[in-house]
Amino acid sequence: MRGRCWKFGDNISTDHIIAGRFLSTSEPGALAAHCMEDARPEFHKEVSPGDIVVAGDNFGCGSSREHAPIAMKGCKIGAVIASSFARIFFRNSINIGLPIIESVEAAREIEEGDDVEIDMNKSRILNHTSGKTYSFEPFPQEIRDIIAAGGLMKYVKKKMGK
């Protein structure tokens, strides 16, 4: 996947990603219309399919709502790169098939607007803007399969032949 980067700081909570006042639905398109609205009001209008969110420590902290990664996936975010993720956000993202990458160096050095490519199979991030390459800890094969299937439920249905 390859896209333009949107840079955020530390402790971006699920309320920053999708505010509680928009939780009357879990429909991805409706949530996408308000994704990151409180952190950056025009984000949902300016983001393009495949773009990448880059952030610091503790991304997705706060409540355990799965609406947050659903909103990001609804915006067609290609992936999230952060120094670290809140554990429940991490799992919710895997469950819905949103690729998330932990890389302290990449999160620190990638700039807003950089053109970045992520190769999940090679566990590599290439910043086409700066020319730098970063590696990250590869996911176990089963998690890569869940992400590739588009989420846990799609993965299970595929495994069951449905």
N, C-alpha and C. Protein backbone atom coordinates (compact mmCIF):
# COMPACT_ATOMS: atom_id res chain seq x y z
N MET A 1 0.85 -1.18 0.00
CA MET A 1 0.00 0.00 0.00
C MET A 1 0.89 1.23 0.00
N ARG A 2 0.37 2.27 -0.61
CA ARG A 2 1.15 3.50 -0.74
C ARG A 2 0.21 4.69 -0.64
N GLY A 3 0.64 5.72 0.09
CA GLY A 3 -0.21 6.89 0.23
C GLY A 3 0.49 8.07 0.86
N ARG A 4 -0.23 9.15 0.89
CA ARG A 4 0.22 10.39 1.53
C ARG A 4 0.03 10.27 3.03
N CYS A 5 0.95 10.84 3.79
CA CYS A 5 0.88 10.72 5.25
C CYS A 5 0.22 11.92 5.91
N TRP A 6 -0.52 11.61 6.94
CA TRP A 6 -1.17 12.58 7.82
C TRP A 6 -0.56 12.40 9.20
N LYS A 7 0.05 13.42 9.73
CA LYS A 7 0.82 13.28 10.98
C LYS A 7 0.02 13.80 12.17
N PHE A 8 -0.02 12.97 13.21
CA PHE A 8 -0.66 13.31 14.47
C PHE A 8 0.34 13.05 15.60
N GLY A 9 0.04 13.53 16.78
CA GLY A 9 0.96 13.42 17.90
C GLY A 9 0.71 12.20 18.78
N ASP A 10 1.08 12.33 20.04
CA ASP A 10 0.90 11.28 21.03
C ASP A 10 -0.52 11.29 21.59
N ASN A 11 -0.91 10.16 22.13
CA ASN A 11 -2.17 10.01 22.88
C ASN A 11 -3.40 10.43 22.09
N ILE A 12 -3.44 10.06 20.83
CA ILE A 12 -4.65 10.29 20.03
C ILE A 12 -5.65 9.23 20.47
N SER A 13 -6.72 9.70 21.11
CA SER A 13 -7.69 8.77 21.70
C SER A 13 -8.76 8.38 20.69
N THR A 14 -9.55 7.40 21.08
CA THR A 14 -10.67 6.99 20.23
C THR A 14 -11.67 8.14 20.10
N ASP A 15 -11.73 9.04 21.08
CA ASP A 15 -12.59 10.23 20.96
C ASP A 15 -12.06 11.20 19.91
N HIS A 16 -10.74 11.28 19.73
CA HIS A 16 -10.18 12.09 18.66
C HIS A 16 -10.51 11.47 17.30
N ILE A 17 -10.45 10.14 17.24
CA ILE A 17 -10.68 9.44 15.98
C ILE A 17 -12.15 9.52 15.57
N ILE A 18 -13.06 9.23 16.51
CA ILE A 18 -14.49 9.38 16.27
C ILE A 18 -15.15 9.76 17.59
N ALA A 19 -15.64 10.97 17.66
CA ALA A 19 -16.23 11.48 18.91
C ALA A 19 -17.49 10.71 19.28
N GLY A 20 -17.71 10.60 20.59
CA GLY A 20 -18.85 9.86 21.12
C GLY A 20 -20.19 10.31 20.58
N ARG A 21 -20.32 11.55 20.20
CA ARG A 21 -21.61 12.05 19.70
C ARG A 21 -22.00 11.45 18.35
N PHE A 22 -21.09 10.73 17.70
CA PHE A 22 -21.38 10.13 16.40
C PHE A 22 -21.55 8.61 16.47
N LEU A 23 -21.71 8.07 17.67
CA LEU A 23 -21.74 6.62 17.84
C LEU A 23 -23.12 6.00 17.72
N SER A 24 -24.07 6.72 17.16
CA SER A 24 -25.41 6.16 17.00
C SER A 24 -25.47 5.17 15.84
N THR A 25 -24.37 5.03 15.11
CA THR A 25 -24.28 4.09 14.00
C THR A 25 -22.93 3.40 14.05
N SER A 26 -22.83 2.28 13.39
CA SER A 26 -21.53 1.62 13.21
C SER A 26 -21.26 1.44 11.72
N GLU A 27 -22.03 2.15 10.89
CA GLU A 27 -21.87 2.08 9.44
C GLU A 27 -20.60 2.85 9.05
N PRO A 28 -19.66 2.18 8.36
CA PRO A 28 -18.36 2.79 8.07
C PRO A 28 -18.44 4.14 7.35
N GLY A 29 -19.31 4.28 6.37
CA GLY A 29 -19.41 5.54 5.63
C GLY A 29 -19.88 6.69 6.49
N ALA A 30 -20.85 6.43 7.36
CA ALA A 30 -21.37 7.47 8.25
C ALA A 30 -20.30 7.88 9.26
N LEU A 31 -19.56 6.92 9.79
CA LEU A 31 -18.49 7.23 10.73
C LEU A 31 -17.35 7.98 10.03
N ALA A 32 -17.05 7.58 8.78
CA ALA A 32 -15.97 8.21 8.03
C ALA A 32 -16.21 9.70 7.86
N ALA A 33 -17.46 10.11 7.77
CA ALA A 33 -17.79 11.52 7.58
C ALA A 33 -17.38 12.38 8.78
N HIS A 34 -17.03 11.73 9.90
CA HIS A 34 -16.63 12.47 11.10
C HIS A 34 -15.27 12.00 11.64
N CYS A 35 -14.56 11.21 10.86
CA CYS A 35 -13.27 10.66 11.30
C CYS A 35 -12.27 11.79 11.55
N MET A 36 -11.68 11.80 12.72
CA MET A 36 -10.66 12.75 13.16
C MET A 36 -11.18 14.19 13.22
N GLU A 37 -12.48 14.36 13.22
CA GLU A 37 -13.09 15.68 13.16
C GLU A 37 -12.66 16.61 14.30
N ASP A 38 -12.55 16.07 15.50
CA ASP A 38 -12.16 16.92 16.63
C ASP A 38 -10.66 17.23 16.65
N ALA A 39 -9.86 16.40 16.01
CA ALA A 39 -8.43 16.64 15.94
C ALA A 39 -8.06 17.51 14.72
N ARG A 40 -8.78 17.29 13.63
CA ARG A 40 -8.52 18.01 12.38
C ARG A 40 -9.84 18.05 11.60
N PRO A 41 -10.61 19.12 11.75
CA PRO A 41 -11.98 19.18 11.23
C PRO A 41 -12.16 18.82 9.75
N GLU A 42 -11.24 19.14 8.91
CA GLU A 42 -11.41 18.88 7.47
C GLU A 42 -10.81 17.55 7.01
N PHE A 43 -10.31 16.77 7.94
CA PHE A 43 -9.61 15.52 7.60
C PHE A 43 -10.42 14.65 6.66
N HIS A 44 -11.67 14.36 7.01
CA HIS A 44 -12.48 13.43 6.22
C HIS A 44 -12.74 13.94 4.80
N LYS A 45 -12.63 15.24 4.58
CA LYS A 45 -12.82 15.80 3.24
C LYS A 45 -11.52 15.79 2.43
N GLU A 46 -10.40 15.81 3.11
CA GLU A 46 -9.11 15.93 2.44
C GLU A 46 -8.37 14.61 2.26
N VAL A 47 -8.68 13.62 3.08
CA VAL A 47 -7.99 12.34 3.01
C VAL A 47 -8.40 11.60 1.73
N SER A 48 -7.45 10.87 1.16
CA SER A 48 -7.71 10.09 -0.05
C SER A 48 -7.56 8.61 0.26
N PRO A 49 -8.26 7.76 -0.50
CA PRO A 49 -8.11 6.32 -0.28
C PRO A 49 -6.64 5.90 -0.34
N GLY A 50 -6.24 5.11 0.64
CA GLY A 50 -4.87 4.62 0.70
C GLY A 50 -3.93 5.50 1.51
N ASP A 51 -4.36 6.70 1.89
CA ASP A 51 -3.51 7.55 2.71
C ASP A 51 -3.18 6.87 4.03
N ILE A 52 -2.11 7.32 4.66
CA ILE A 52 -1.58 6.67 5.85
C ILE A 52 -1.54 7.67 7.00
N VAL A 53 -2.05 7.26 8.15
CA VAL A 53 -1.98 8.07 9.36
C VAL A 53 -0.71 7.69 10.10
N VAL A 54 0.05 8.68 10.53
CA VAL A 54 1.28 8.48 11.29
C VAL A 54 1.13 9.22 12.61
N ALA A 55 1.44 8.55 13.71
CA ALA A 55 1.26 9.16 15.03
C ALA A 55 2.34 8.69 15.98
N GLY A 56 2.32 9.28 17.17
CA GLY A 56 3.31 8.95 18.19
C GLY A 56 2.89 7.81 19.09
N ASP A 57 3.07 8.01 20.38
CA ASP A 57 2.77 6.97 21.37
C ASP A 57 1.29 6.87 21.68
N ASN A 58 0.87 5.65 22.02
CA ASN A 58 -0.44 5.38 22.61
C ASN A 58 -1.61 5.73 21.69
N PHE A 59 -1.45 5.49 20.40
CA PHE A 59 -2.53 5.78 19.46
C PHE A 59 -3.73 4.88 19.75
N GLY A 60 -4.91 5.48 19.79
CA GLY A 60 -6.14 4.72 20.03
C GLY A 60 -6.45 4.49 21.49
N CYS A 61 -5.86 5.29 22.37
CA CYS A 61 -6.13 5.14 23.80
C CYS A 61 -7.57 5.59 24.09
N GLY A 62 -8.01 5.38 25.30
CA GLY A 62 -9.36 5.80 25.68
C GLY A 62 -10.31 4.62 25.69
N SER A 63 -11.52 4.87 25.25
CA SER A 63 -12.54 3.82 25.32
C SER A 63 -12.24 2.70 24.34
N SER A 64 -12.88 1.59 24.55
CA SER A 64 -12.60 0.40 23.74
C SER A 64 -13.46 0.33 22.49
N ARG A 65 -14.11 1.41 22.13
CA ARG A 65 -15.04 1.38 20.99
C ARG A 65 -14.36 0.95 19.70
N GLU A 66 -14.98 -0.01 19.04
CA GLU A 66 -14.45 -0.44 17.75
C GLU A 66 -14.84 0.53 16.63
N HIS A 67 -15.67 1.50 16.96
CA HIS A 67 -16.05 2.51 15.98
C HIS A 67 -14.83 3.27 15.45
N ALA A 68 -13.79 3.42 16.27
CA ALA A 68 -12.62 4.20 15.87
C ALA A 68 -11.92 3.58 14.66
N PRO A 69 -11.51 2.31 14.71
CA PRO A 69 -10.89 1.77 13.49
C PRO A 69 -11.89 1.62 12.34
N ILE A 70 -13.17 1.43 12.64
CA ILE A 70 -14.18 1.36 11.58
C ILE A 70 -14.25 2.71 10.86
N ALA A 71 -14.21 3.81 11.60
CA ALA A 71 -14.23 5.14 10.98
C ALA A 71 -13.01 5.33 10.08
N MET A 72 -11.86 4.87 10.53
CA MET A 72 -10.64 5.02 9.73
C MET A 72 -10.72 4.17 8.47
N LYS A 73 -11.22 2.96 8.63
CA LYS A 73 -11.37 2.09 7.46
C LYS A 73 -12.42 2.66 6.53
N GLY A 74 -13.47 3.26 7.09
CA GLY A 74 -14.50 3.90 6.27
C GLY A 74 -13.94 5.05 5.44
N CYS A 75 -12.92 5.73 5.96
CA CYS A 75 -12.22 6.79 5.21
C CYS A 75 -11.26 6.21 4.18
N LYS A 76 -11.16 4.90 4.19
CA LYS A 76 -10.25 4.17 3.29
C LYS A 76 -8.77 4.45 3.60
N ILE A 77 -8.50 4.71 4.89
CA ILE A 77 -7.11 4.82 5.34
C ILE A 77 -6.41 3.50 5.01
N GLY A 78 -5.23 3.59 4.40
CA GLY A 78 -4.50 2.38 4.03
C GLY A 78 -3.88 1.68 5.21
N ALA A 79 -3.39 2.46 6.18
CA ALA A 79 -2.73 1.90 7.36
C ALA A 79 -2.49 3.02 8.37
N VAL A 80 -2.13 2.60 9.57
CA VAL A 80 -1.71 3.53 10.62
C VAL A 80 -0.33 3.09 11.07
N ILE A 81 0.59 4.03 11.11
CA ILE A 81 1.93 3.81 11.64
C ILE A 81 2.02 4.63 12.92
N ALA A 82 2.43 4.02 14.02
CA ALA A 82 2.58 4.75 15.27
C ALA A 82 3.73 4.16 16.08
N SER A 83 4.20 4.94 17.04
CA SER A 83 5.24 4.45 17.95
C SER A 83 4.69 3.31 18.80
N SER A 84 3.44 3.47 19.25
CA SER A 84 2.78 2.40 20.01
C SER A 84 1.28 2.60 19.91
N PHE A 85 0.54 1.52 20.16
CA PHE A 85 -0.92 1.52 20.10
C PHE A 85 -1.49 1.07 21.44
N ALA A 86 -2.64 1.62 21.78
CA ALA A 86 -3.38 1.07 22.91
C ALA A 86 -3.79 -0.34 22.52
N ARG A 87 -3.71 -1.27 23.46
CA ARG A 87 -3.91 -2.69 23.13
C ARG A 87 -5.29 -2.98 22.56
N ILE A 88 -6.34 -2.39 23.10
CA ILE A 88 -7.68 -2.69 22.61
C ILE A 88 -7.87 -2.12 21.20
N PHE A 89 -7.30 -0.95 20.92
CA PHE A 89 -7.36 -0.40 19.56
C PHE A 89 -6.60 -1.31 18.60
N PHE A 90 -5.46 -1.79 19.04
CA PHE A 90 -4.65 -2.70 18.23
C PHE A 90 -5.50 -3.90 17.81
N ARG A 91 -6.15 -4.54 18.79
CA ARG A 91 -6.94 -5.74 18.49
C ARG A 91 -8.17 -5.42 17.66
N ASN A 92 -8.85 -4.31 17.97
CA ASN A 92 -10.01 -3.92 17.17
C ASN A 92 -9.61 -3.66 15.72
N SER A 93 -8.44 -3.08 15.51
CA SER A 93 -7.97 -2.81 14.15
C SER A 93 -7.73 -4.11 13.39
N ILE A 94 -7.06 -5.04 14.02
CA ILE A 94 -6.84 -6.35 13.39
C ILE A 94 -8.19 -7.00 13.07
N ASN A 95 -9.11 -6.95 14.02
CA ASN A 95 -10.42 -7.59 13.83
C ASN A 95 -11.19 -7.05 12.64
N ILE A 96 -11.00 -5.78 12.29
CA ILE A 96 -11.71 -5.24 11.14
C ILE A 96 -10.83 -5.15 9.89
N GLY A 97 -9.57 -5.56 10.01
CA GLY A 97 -8.69 -5.60 8.85
C GLY A 97 -7.99 -4.29 8.53
N LEU A 98 -7.81 -3.43 9.54
CA LEU A 98 -7.07 -2.18 9.34
C LEU A 98 -5.61 -2.43 9.66
N PRO A 99 -4.71 -2.33 8.69
CA PRO A 99 -3.29 -2.56 8.97
C PRO A 99 -2.71 -1.49 9.90
N ILE A 100 -2.05 -1.95 10.94
CA ILE A 100 -1.41 -1.05 11.90
C ILE A 100 0.04 -1.50 12.09
N ILE A 101 0.93 -0.54 12.09
CA ILE A 101 2.36 -0.82 12.13
C ILE A 101 2.99 -0.07 13.29
N GLU A 102 3.71 -0.78 14.15
CA GLU A 102 4.47 -0.13 15.21
C GLU A 102 5.91 0.06 14.75
N SER A 103 6.32 1.32 14.69
CA SER A 103 7.71 1.65 14.34
C SER A 103 8.02 3.01 14.94
N VAL A 104 8.80 3.01 15.99
CA VAL A 104 9.16 4.25 16.67
C VAL A 104 9.91 5.18 15.72
N GLU A 105 10.88 4.65 15.01
CA GLU A 105 11.69 5.48 14.12
C GLU A 105 10.86 6.07 12.97
N ALA A 106 10.05 5.24 12.33
CA ALA A 106 9.23 5.74 11.22
C ALA A 106 8.24 6.79 11.72
N ALA A 107 7.60 6.51 12.86
CA ALA A 107 6.62 7.46 13.41
C ALA A 107 7.27 8.79 13.75
N ARG A 108 8.50 8.76 14.19
CA ARG A 108 9.20 9.98 14.57
C ARG A 108 9.67 10.76 13.33
N GLU A 109 10.12 10.07 12.30
CA GLU A 109 10.79 10.73 11.17
C GLU A 109 9.89 11.05 9.98
N ILE A 110 8.84 10.29 9.77
CA ILE A 110 7.95 10.58 8.64
C ILE A 110 7.24 11.90 8.89
N GLU A 111 7.16 12.72 7.87
CA GLU A 111 6.56 14.06 7.97
C GLU A 111 5.19 14.09 7.30
N GLU A 112 4.40 15.05 7.69
CA GLU A 112 3.11 15.31 7.05
C GLU A 112 3.31 15.46 5.55
N GLY A 113 2.50 14.77 4.78
CA GLY A 113 2.55 14.88 3.32
C GLY A 113 3.54 13.96 2.64
N ASP A 114 4.40 13.27 3.40
CA ASP A 114 5.35 12.35 2.78
C ASP A 114 4.61 11.25 2.02
N ASP A 115 5.23 10.78 0.94
CA ASP A 115 4.73 9.69 0.13
C ASP A 115 5.38 8.40 0.66
N VAL A 116 4.56 7.55 1.28
CA VAL A 116 5.09 6.37 1.97
C VAL A 116 4.44 5.10 1.43
N GLU A 117 5.26 4.07 1.33
CA GLU A 117 4.80 2.76 0.88
C GLU A 117 5.10 1.73 1.96
N ILE A 118 4.12 0.88 2.24
CA ILE A 118 4.27 -0.18 3.25
C ILE A 118 4.20 -1.53 2.55
N ASP A 119 5.19 -2.36 2.79
CA ASP A 119 5.19 -3.72 2.28
C ASP A 119 5.04 -4.66 3.48
N MET A 120 3.83 -5.16 3.68
CA MET A 120 3.55 -6.03 4.83
C MET A 120 4.32 -7.34 4.74
N ASN A 121 4.53 -7.86 3.53
CA ASN A 121 5.23 -9.13 3.37
C ASN A 121 6.71 -9.03 3.71
N LYS A 122 7.30 -7.88 3.44
CA LYS A 122 8.73 -7.68 3.73
C LYS A 122 8.95 -6.92 5.02
N SER A 123 7.86 -6.54 5.71
CA SER A 123 7.94 -5.78 6.97
C SER A 123 8.81 -4.53 6.79
N ARG A 124 8.46 -3.77 5.75
CA ARG A 124 9.27 -2.61 5.40
C ARG A 124 8.40 -1.41 5.06
N ILE A 125 8.86 -0.25 5.47
CA ILE A 125 8.23 1.02 5.14
C ILE A 125 9.24 1.81 4.33
N LEU A 126 8.84 2.26 3.15
CA LEU A 126 9.72 3.08 2.31
C LEU A 126 9.12 4.47 2.20
N ASN A 127 9.87 5.46 2.64
CA ASN A 127 9.47 6.85 2.51
C ASN A 127 10.05 7.36 1.18
N HIS A 128 9.19 7.45 0.17
CA HIS A 128 9.64 7.89 -1.15
C HIS A 128 10.08 9.35 -1.13
N THR A 129 9.57 10.13 -0.20
CA THR A 129 9.93 11.55 -0.11
C THR A 129 11.35 11.72 0.40
N SER A 130 11.71 11.01 1.47
CA SER A 130 13.05 11.17 2.06
C SER A 130 14.04 10.12 1.57
N GLY A 131 13.53 9.04 1.00
CA GLY A 131 14.41 7.96 0.56
C GLY A 131 14.77 6.97 1.66
N LYS A 132 14.26 7.20 2.87
CA LYS A 132 14.59 6.32 4.01
C LYS A 132 13.70 5.08 4.01
N THR A 133 14.27 4.00 4.51
CA THR A 133 13.54 2.74 4.68
C THR A 133 13.56 2.36 6.15
N TYR A 134 12.44 1.87 6.63
CA TYR A 134 12.28 1.45 8.02
C TYR A 134 11.77 0.02 8.03
N SER A 135 12.20 -0.74 9.02
CA SER A 135 11.67 -2.09 9.17
C SER A 135 10.77 -2.11 10.40
N PHE A 136 9.90 -3.10 10.44
CA PHE A 136 9.04 -3.28 11.60
C PHE A 136 8.88 -4.77 11.85
N GLU A 137 8.49 -5.09 13.07
CA GLU A 137 8.30 -6.48 13.48
C GLU A 137 7.15 -7.08 12.67
N PRO A 138 7.41 -8.18 11.96
CA PRO A 138 6.33 -8.76 11.15
C PRO A 138 5.23 -9.37 12.02
N PHE A 139 4.03 -9.32 11.50
CA PHE A 139 2.91 -9.98 12.16
C PHE A 139 3.02 -11.48 11.93
N PRO A 140 2.50 -12.27 12.85
CA PRO A 140 2.39 -13.70 12.58
C PRO A 140 1.51 -13.91 11.33
N GLN A 141 1.72 -15.01 10.64
CA GLN A 141 1.00 -15.28 9.39
C GLN A 141 -0.52 -15.20 9.57
N GLU A 142 -1.03 -15.71 10.66
CA GLU A 142 -2.48 -15.70 10.86
C GLU A 142 -3.03 -14.27 10.93
N ILE A 143 -2.31 -13.37 11.56
CA ILE A 143 -2.77 -11.97 11.62
C ILE A 143 -2.67 -11.34 10.24
N ARG A 144 -1.61 -11.64 9.49
CA ARG A 144 -1.53 -11.13 8.11
C ARG A 144 -2.69 -11.65 7.27
N ASP A 145 -3.07 -12.89 7.50
CA ASP A 145 -4.21 -13.47 6.77
C ASP A 145 -5.52 -12.78 7.14
N ILE A 146 -5.69 -12.45 8.43
CA ILE A 146 -6.89 -11.75 8.89
C ILE A 146 -6.97 -10.37 8.23
N ILE A 147 -5.87 -9.64 8.22
CA ILE A 147 -5.84 -8.32 7.59
C ILE A 147 -6.12 -8.44 6.10
N ALA A 148 -5.47 -9.40 5.44
CA ALA A 148 -5.66 -9.58 3.99
C ALA A 148 -7.10 -9.94 3.65
N ALA A 149 -7.76 -10.68 4.53
CA ALA A 149 -9.16 -11.08 4.30
C ALA A 149 -10.13 -9.92 4.50
N GLY A 150 -9.65 -8.86 5.15
CA GLY A 150 -10.52 -7.72 5.41
C GLY A 150 -11.11 -7.72 6.81
N GLY A 151 -10.58 -8.58 7.67
CA GLY A 151 -11.05 -8.61 9.06
C GLY A 151 -11.31 -10.03 9.54
N LEU A 152 -11.51 -10.15 10.83
CA LEU A 152 -11.66 -11.45 11.47
C LEU A 152 -12.88 -12.22 10.97
N MET A 153 -14.03 -11.56 10.87
CA MET A 153 -15.24 -12.26 10.44
C MET A 153 -15.11 -12.78 9.01
N LYS A 154 -14.54 -11.98 8.13
CA LYS A 154 -14.34 -12.43 6.75
C LYS A 154 -13.33 -13.57 6.70
N TYR A 155 -12.32 -13.50 7.53
CA TYR A 155 -11.31 -14.56 7.61
C TYR A 155 -11.95 -15.87 8.07
N VAL A 156 -12.77 -15.81 9.12
CA VAL A 156 -13.43 -17.01 9.65
C VAL A 156 -14.37 -17.59 8.61
N LYS A 157 -15.15 -16.75 7.94
CA LYS A 157 -16.07 -17.24 6.91
C LYS A 157 -15.30 -17.93 5.78
N LYS A 158 -14.17 -17.34 5.41
CA LYS A 158 -13.33 -17.93 4.35
C LYS A 158 -12.81 -19.29 4.80
N LYS A 159 -12.34 -19.36 6.06
CA LYS A 159 -11.81 -20.63 6.59
C LYS A 159 -12.89 -21.71 6.66
N MET A 160 -14.13 -21.26 6.91
CA MET A 160 -15.24 -22.21 7.01
C MET A 160 -15.85 -22.54 5.65
N GLY A 161 -15.34 -21.89 4.60
CA GLY A 161 -15.84 -22.15 3.26
C GLY A 161 -17.20 -21.51 2.98
N LYS A 162 -17.50 -20.42 3.66
CA LYS A 162 -18.80 -19.76 3.45
C LYS A 162 -18.65 -18.47 2.70
